[in-house]
Amino acid sequence: MHKFTVTITEEIAADTAEEAALLMYQGLAQRPPLSYSVADEANTTTALTLDRERADEFASVDHTADPGNW
């Protein structure tokens, strides 16, 4: 299995960095972002915008059931 670094960039108005992080965490559950930057092990970066319908379908499947994920 490969390792990827996924980065989300979002501007959040807050009084402190800690508050901004908490607001980001809270927002992830309510409205997941659809734009990401993904870097692989060779530091090749790709900008991705997910299709909401496909992302929701993927999230609804229990991927832990695949023995390859154990």
PDB file of N, CA and C in Angstrom:
ATOM      1  N   MET A   1       0.853  -1.169   0.000  1.00  0.00           N
ATOM      2  CA  MET A   1       0.000   0.000   0.000  1.00  0.00           C
ATOM      3  C   MET A   1       0.901   1.236   0.000  1.00  0.00           C
ATOM      4  N   HIS A   2       0.532   2.228  -0.769  1.00  0.00           N
ATOM      5  CA  HIS A   2       1.294   3.467  -0.876  1.00  0.00           C
ATOM      6  C   HIS A   2       0.844   4.456   0.191  1.00  0.00           C
ATOM      7  N   LYS A   3       1.682   5.438   0.463  1.00  0.00           N
ATOM      8  CA  LYS A   3       1.340   6.502   1.406  1.00  0.00           C
ATOM      9  C   LYS A   3       1.185   7.808   0.645  1.00  0.00           C
ATOM     10  N   PHE A   4       0.163   8.561   1.011  1.00  0.00           N
ATOM     11  CA  PHE A   4      -0.120   9.843   0.398  1.00  0.00           C
ATOM     12  C   PHE A   4      -0.300  10.890   1.486  1.00  0.00           C
ATOM     13  N   THR A   5       0.052  12.120   1.173  1.00  0.00           N
ATOM     14  CA  THR A   5      -0.213  13.248   2.052  1.00  0.00           C
ATOM     15  C   THR A   5      -1.336  14.057   1.423  1.00  0.00           C
ATOM     16  N   VAL A   6      -2.433  14.195   2.134  1.00  0.00           N
ATOM     17  CA  VAL A   6      -3.595  14.921   1.625  1.00  0.00           C
ATOM     18  C   VAL A   6      -3.685  16.241   2.372  1.00  0.00           C
ATOM     19  N   THR A   7      -3.762  17.335   1.616  1.00  0.00           N
ATOM     20  CA  THR A   7      -3.812  18.668   2.204  1.00  0.00           C
ATOM     21  C   THR A   7      -5.124  19.349   1.836  1.00  0.00           C
ATOM     22  N   ILE A   8      -5.742  19.942   2.821  1.00  0.00           N
ATOM     23  CA  ILE A   8      -6.958  20.721   2.615  1.00  0.00           C
ATOM     24  C   ILE A   8      -6.602  22.166   2.921  1.00  0.00           C
ATOM     25  N   THR A   9      -6.918  23.059   2.010  1.00  0.00           N
ATOM     26  CA  THR A   9      -6.684  24.481   2.253  1.00  0.00           C
ATOM     27  C   THR A   9      -8.025  25.183   2.300  1.00  0.00           C
ATOM     28  N   GLU A  10      -8.280  25.816   3.420  1.00  0.00           N
ATOM     29  CA  GLU A  10      -9.536  26.532   3.581  1.00  0.00           C
ATOM     30  C   GLU A  10      -9.289  27.752   4.460  1.00  0.00           C
ATOM     31  N   GLU A  11      -9.820  28.877   4.066  1.00  0.00           N
ATOM     32  CA  GLU A  11      -9.680  30.083   4.878  1.00  0.00           C
ATOM     33  C   GLU A  11     -10.763  30.091   5.938  1.00  0.00           C
ATOM     34  N   ILE A  12     -10.339  30.282   7.192  1.00  0.00           N
ATOM     35  CA  ILE A  12     -11.266  30.282   8.321  1.00  0.00           C
ATOM     36  C   ILE A  12     -10.986  31.519   9.161  1.00  0.00           C
ATOM     37  N   ALA A  13     -12.015  32.280   9.448  1.00  0.00           N
ATOM     38  CA  ALA A  13     -11.873  33.450  10.312  1.00  0.00           C
ATOM     39  C   ALA A  13     -11.944  32.994  11.763  1.00  0.00           C
ATOM     40  N   ALA A  14     -10.902  33.319  12.533  1.00  0.00           N
ATOM     41  CA  ALA A  14     -10.838  32.923  13.939  1.00  0.00           C
ATOM     42  C   ALA A  14      -9.904  33.866  14.677  1.00  0.00           C
ATOM     43  N   ASP A  15      -9.963  33.860  16.003  1.00  0.00           N
ATOM     44  CA  ASP A  15      -9.093  34.704  16.815  1.00  0.00           C
ATOM     45  C   ASP A  15      -7.723  34.073  17.056  1.00  0.00           C
ATOM     46  N   THR A  16      -7.667  32.726  17.049  1.00  0.00           N
ATOM     47  CA  THR A  16      -6.401  32.038  17.289  1.00  0.00           C
ATOM     48  C   THR A  16      -6.267  30.856  16.333  1.00  0.00           C
ATOM     49  N   ALA A  17      -5.055  30.342  16.208  1.00  0.00           N
ATOM     50  CA  ALA A  17      -4.815  29.160  15.374  1.00  0.00           C
ATOM     51  C   ALA A  17      -5.578  27.955  15.924  1.00  0.00           C
ATOM     52  N   GLU A  18      -5.623  27.838  17.241  1.00  0.00           N
ATOM     53  CA  GLU A  18      -6.332  26.725  17.857  1.00  0.00           C
ATOM     54  C   GLU A  18      -7.823  26.776  17.533  1.00  0.00           C
ATOM     55  N   GLU A  19      -8.392  27.987  17.590  1.00  0.00           N
ATOM     56  CA  GLU A  19      -9.812  28.142  17.257  1.00  0.00           C
ATOM     57  C   GLU A  19     -10.053  27.792  15.792  1.00  0.00           C
ATOM     58  N   ALA A  20      -9.161  28.214  14.917  1.00  0.00           N
ATOM     59  CA  ALA A  20      -9.293  27.896  13.493  1.00  0.00           C
ATOM     60  C   ALA A  20      -9.259  26.386  13.272  1.00  0.00           C
ATOM     61  N   ALA A  21      -8.354  25.700  13.979  1.00  0.00           N
ATOM     62  CA  ALA A  21      -8.270  24.239  13.844  1.00  0.00           C
ATOM     63  C   ALA A  21      -9.548  23.571  14.342  1.00  0.00           C
ATOM     64  N   LEU A  22     -10.076  24.056  15.456  1.00  0.00           N
ATOM     65  CA  LEU A  22     -11.318  23.487  15.980  1.00  0.00           C
ATOM     66  C   LEU A  22     -12.490  23.731  15.036  1.00  0.00           C
ATOM     67  N   LEU A  23     -12.557  24.920  14.449  1.00  0.00           N
ATOM     68  CA  LEU A  23     -13.620  25.227  13.492  1.00  0.00           C
ATOM     69  C   LEU A  23     -13.488  24.366  12.240  1.00  0.00           C
ATOM     70  N   MET A  24     -12.257  24.108  11.816  1.00  0.00           N
ATOM     71  CA  MET A  24     -12.027  23.229  10.665  1.00  0.00           C
ATOM     72  C   MET A  24     -12.504  21.822  10.987  1.00  0.00           C
ATOM     73  N   TYR A  25     -12.153  21.315  12.162  1.00  0.00           N
ATOM     74  CA  TYR A  25     -12.570  19.987  12.586  1.00  0.00           C
ATOM     75  C   TYR A  25     -14.090  19.887  12.621  1.00  0.00           C
ATOM     76  N   GLN A  26     -14.727  20.896  13.189  1.00  0.00           N
ATOM     77  CA  GLN A  26     -16.186  20.932  13.263  1.00  0.00           C
ATOM     78  C   GLN A  26     -16.794  20.949  11.857  1.00  0.00           C
ATOM     79  N   GLY A  27     -16.192  21.717  10.962  1.00  0.00           N
ATOM     80  CA  GLY A  27     -16.708  21.835   9.605  1.00  0.00           C
ATOM     81  C   GLY A  27     -16.571  20.568   8.790  1.00  0.00           C
ATOM     82  N   LEU A  28     -15.563  19.753   9.083  1.00  0.00           N
ATOM     83  CA  LEU A  28     -15.365  18.514   8.324  1.00  0.00           C
ATOM     84  C   LEU A  28     -16.560  17.585   8.438  1.00  0.00           C
ATOM     85  N   ALA A  29     -17.191  17.550   9.595  1.00  0.00           N
ATOM     86  CA  ALA A  29     -18.347  16.683   9.788  1.00  0.00           C
ATOM     87  C   ALA A  29     -19.596  17.244   9.113  1.00  0.00           C
ATOM     88  N   GLN A  30     -19.677  18.560   9.015  1.00  0.00           N
ATOM     89  CA  GLN A  30     -20.876  19.184   8.471  1.00  0.00           C
ATOM     90  C   GLN A  30     -20.831  19.346   6.957  1.00  0.00           C
ATOM     91  N   ARG A  31     -19.678  19.676   6.421  1.00  0.00           N
ATOM     92  CA  ARG A  31     -19.547  19.922   4.984  1.00  0.00           C
ATOM     93  C   ARG A  31     -18.125  19.591   4.551  1.00  0.00           C
ATOM     94  N   PRO A  32     -17.884  18.330   4.263  1.00  0.00           N
ATOM     95  CA  PRO A  32     -16.533  17.942   3.862  1.00  0.00           C
ATOM     96  C   PRO A  32     -16.080  18.719   2.629  1.00  0.00           C
ATOM     97  N   PRO A  33     -14.839  19.166   2.615  1.00  0.00           N
ATOM     98  CA  PRO A  33     -14.326  19.879   1.447  1.00  0.00           C
ATOM     99  C   PRO A  33     -14.186  18.944   0.260  1.00  0.00           C
ATOM    100  N   LEU A  34     -14.257  19.498  -0.929  1.00  0.00           N
ATOM    101  CA  LEU A  34     -14.149  18.675  -2.121  1.00  0.00           C
ATOM    102  C   LEU A  34     -12.867  18.939  -2.906  1.00  0.00           C
ATOM    103  N   SER A  35     -12.107  19.931  -2.513  1.00  0.00           N
ATOM    104  CA  SER A  35     -10.857  20.239  -3.209  1.00  0.00           C
ATOM    105  C   SER A  35      -9.682  19.881  -2.309  1.00  0.00           C
ATOM    106  N   TYR A  36      -8.752  19.092  -2.876  1.00  0.00           N
ATOM    107  CA  TYR A  36      -7.622  18.586  -2.119  1.00  0.00           C
ATOM    108  C   TYR A  36      -6.346  18.698  -2.932  1.00  0.00           C
ATOM    109  N   SER A  37      -5.236  18.683  -2.242  1.00  0.00           N
ATOM    110  CA  SER A  37      -3.928  18.548  -2.860  1.00  0.00           C
ATOM    111  C   SER A  37      -3.353  17.247  -2.316  1.00  0.00           C
ATOM    112  N   VAL A  38      -2.935  16.341  -3.206  1.00  0.00           N
ATOM    113  CA  VAL A  38      -2.452  15.029  -2.791  1.00  0.00           C
ATOM    114  C   VAL A  38      -1.030  14.846  -3.294  1.00  0.00           C
ATOM    115  N   ALA A  39      -0.122  14.495  -2.375  1.00  0.00           N
ATOM    116  CA  ALA A  39       1.277  14.241  -2.730  1.00  0.00           C
ATOM    117  C   ALA A  39       1.594  12.779  -2.448  1.00  0.00           C
ATOM    118  N   ASP A  40       2.283  12.130  -3.386  1.00  0.00           N
ATOM    119  CA  ASP A  40       2.654  10.733  -3.182  1.00  0.00           C
ATOM    120  C   ASP A  40       4.036  10.633  -2.552  1.00  0.00           C
ATOM    121  N   GLU A  41       4.550   9.409  -2.451  1.00  0.00           N
ATOM    122  CA  GLU A  41       5.838   9.176  -1.800  1.00  0.00           C
ATOM    123  C   GLU A  41       7.002   9.866  -2.504  1.00  0.00           C
ATOM    124  N   ALA A  42       6.847  10.132  -3.803  1.00  0.00           N
ATOM    125  CA  ALA A  42       7.898  10.801  -4.579  1.00  0.00           C
ATOM    126  C   ALA A  42       7.695  12.313  -4.589  1.00  0.00           C
ATOM    127  N   ASN A  43       6.764  12.810  -3.773  1.00  0.00           N
ATOM    128  CA  ASN A  43       6.411  14.229  -3.692  1.00  0.00           C
ATOM    129  C   ASN A  43       5.828  14.785  -4.975  1.00  0.00           C
ATOM    130  N   THR A  44       5.217  13.930  -5.772  1.00  0.00           N
ATOM    131  CA  THR A  44       4.470  14.381  -6.942  1.00  0.00           C
ATOM    132  C   THR A  44       3.102  14.821  -6.445  1.00  0.00           C
ATOM    133  N   THR A  45       2.757  16.084  -6.687  1.00  0.00           N
ATOM    134  CA  THR A  45       1.516  16.645  -6.160  1.00  0.00           C
ATOM    135  C   THR A  45       0.463  16.751  -7.249  1.00  0.00           C
ATOM    136  N   THR A  46      -0.755  16.388  -6.896  1.00  0.00           N
ATOM    137  CA  THR A  46      -1.892  16.456  -7.800  1.00  0.00           C
ATOM    138  C   THR A  46      -3.012  17.211  -7.109  1.00  0.00           C
ATOM    139  N   ALA A  47      -3.631  18.142  -7.814  1.00  0.00           N
ATOM    140  CA  ALA A  47      -4.801  18.852  -7.291  1.00  0.00           C
ATOM    141  C   ALA A  47      -6.041  18.078  -7.725  1.00  0.00           C
ATOM    142  N   LEU A  48      -6.916  17.789  -6.773  1.00  0.00           N
ATOM    143  CA  LEU A  48      -8.123  17.017  -7.060  1.00  0.00           C
ATOM    144  C   LEU A  48      -9.361  17.748  -6.571  1.00  0.00           C
ATOM    145  N   THR A  49     -10.416  17.657  -7.345  1.00  0.00           N
ATOM    146  CA  THR A  49     -11.729  18.107  -6.914  1.00  0.00           C
ATOM    147  C   THR A  49     -12.640  16.901  -7.028  1.00  0.00           C
ATOM    148  N   LEU A  50     -13.168  16.449  -5.897  1.00  0.00           N
ATOM    149  CA  LEU A  50     -13.985  15.250  -5.887  1.00  0.00           C
ATOM    150  C   LEU A  50     -15.413  15.540  -6.322  1.00  0.00           C
ATOM    151  N   ASP A  51     -16.004  14.559  -6.971  1.00  0.00           N
ATOM    152  CA  ASP A  51     -17.418  14.589  -7.302  1.00  0.00           C
ATOM    153  C   ASP A  51     -18.172  14.199  -6.036  1.00  0.00           C
ATOM    154  N   ARG A  52     -19.038  15.054  -5.541  1.00  0.00           N
ATOM    155  CA  ARG A  52     -19.730  14.827  -4.271  1.00  0.00           C
ATOM    156  C   ARG A  52     -20.451  13.478  -4.262  1.00  0.00           C
ATOM    157  N   GLU A  53     -21.161  13.147  -5.325  1.00  0.00           N
ATOM    158  CA  GLU A  53     -21.930  11.902  -5.371  1.00  0.00           C
ATOM    159  C   GLU A  53     -21.011  10.682  -5.286  1.00  0.00           C
ATOM    160  N   ARG A  54     -19.927  10.686  -6.056  1.00  0.00           N
ATOM    161  CA  ARG A  54     -18.978   9.561  -6.017  1.00  0.00           C
ATOM    162  C   ARG A  54     -18.282   9.480  -4.664  1.00  0.00           C
ATOM    163  N   ALA A  55     -17.953  10.627  -4.075  1.00  0.00           N
ATOM    164  CA  ALA A  55     -17.286  10.638  -2.768  1.00  0.00           C
ATOM    165  C   ALA A  55     -18.213  10.076  -1.688  1.00  0.00           C
ATOM    166  N   ASP A  56     -19.486  10.447  -1.715  1.00  0.00           N
ATOM    167  CA  ASP A  56     -20.444   9.931  -0.741  1.00  0.00           C
ATOM    168  C   ASP A  56     -20.649   8.433  -0.908  1.00  0.00           C
ATOM    169  N   GLU A  57     -20.688   7.975  -2.162  1.00  0.00           N
ATOM    170  CA  GLU A  57     -20.835   6.540  -2.427  1.00  0.00           C
ATOM    171  C   GLU A  57     -19.626   5.775  -1.893  1.00  0.00           C
ATOM    172  N   PHE A  58     -18.425   6.288  -2.135  1.00  0.00           N
ATOM    173  CA  PHE A  58     -17.210   5.646  -1.654  1.00  0.00           C
ATOM    174  C   PHE A  58     -17.193   5.606  -0.128  1.00  0.00           C
ATOM    175  N   ALA A  59     -17.604   6.687   0.509  1.00  0.00           N
ATOM    176  CA  ALA A  59     -17.595   6.765   1.965  1.00  0.00           C
ATOM    177  C   ALA A  59     -18.609   5.823   2.597  1.00  0.00           C
ATOM    178  N   SER A  60     -19.651   5.454   1.863  1.00  0.00           N
ATOM    179  CA  SER A  60     -20.688   4.591   2.426  1.00  0.00           C
ATOM    180  C   SER A  60     -20.286   3.124   2.439  1.00  0.00           C
ATOM    181  N   VAL A  61     -19.231   2.759   1.724  1.00  0.00           N
ATOM    182  CA  VAL A  61     -18.783   1.370   1.661  1.00  0.00           C
ATOM    183  C   VAL A  61     -17.787   1.116   2.785  1.00  0.00           C
ATOM    184  N   ASP A  62     -17.924  -0.025   3.446  1.00  0.00           N
ATOM    185  CA  ASP A  62     -16.998  -0.384   4.524  1.00  0.00           C
ATOM    186  C   ASP A  62     -15.733  -0.976   3.908  1.00  0.00           C
ATOM    187  N   HIS A  63     -14.721  -0.145   3.700  1.00  0.00           N
ATOM    188  CA  HIS A  63     -13.482  -0.597   3.075  1.00  0.00           C
ATOM    189  C   HIS A  63     -12.622  -1.428   4.013  1.00  0.00           C
ATOM    190  N   THR A  64     -12.944  -1.457   5.289  1.00  0.00           N
ATOM    191  CA  THR A  64     -12.177  -2.271   6.229  1.00  0.00           C
ATOM    192  C   THR A  64     -12.494  -3.745   6.079  1.00  0.00           C
ATOM    193  N   ALA A  65     -13.562  -4.066   5.336  1.00  0.00           N
ATOM    194  CA  ALA A  65     -13.933  -5.462   5.140  1.00  0.00           C
ATOM    195  C   ALA A  65     -12.968  -6.178   4.193  1.00  0.00           C
ATOM    196  N   ASP A  66     -12.191  -5.453   3.442  1.00  0.00           N
ATOM    197  CA  ASP A  66     -11.209  -6.025   2.512  1.00  0.00           C
ATOM    198  C   ASP A  66     -10.020  -6.539   3.314  1.00  0.00           C
ATOM    199  N   PRO A  67      -9.720  -7.856   3.273  1.00  0.00           N
ATOM    200  CA  PRO A  67      -8.591  -8.390   4.027  1.00  0.00           C
ATOM    201  C   PRO A  67      -7.266  -7.710   3.681  1.00  0.00           C
ATOM    202  N   GLY A  68      -7.166  -7.123   2.512  1.00  0.00           N
ATOM    203  CA  GLY A  68      -5.947  -6.405   2.139  1.00  0.00           C
ATOM    204  C   GLY A  68      -5.721  -5.173   2.994  1.00  0.00           C
ATOM    205  N   ASN A  69      -6.744  -4.707   3.696  1.00  0.00           N
ATOM    206  CA  ASN A  69      -6.624  -3.529   4.566  1.00  0.00           C
ATOM    207  C   ASN A  69      -6.247  -3.900   5.997  1.00  0.00           C
ATOM    208  N   TRP A  70      -6.145  -5.200   6.295  1.00  0.00           N
ATOM    209  CA  TRP A  70      -5.845  -5.620   7.661  1.00  0.00           C
ATOM    210  C   TRP A  70      -4.411  -5.560   7.874  1.00  0.00           C
TER     211      TRP A  70
END
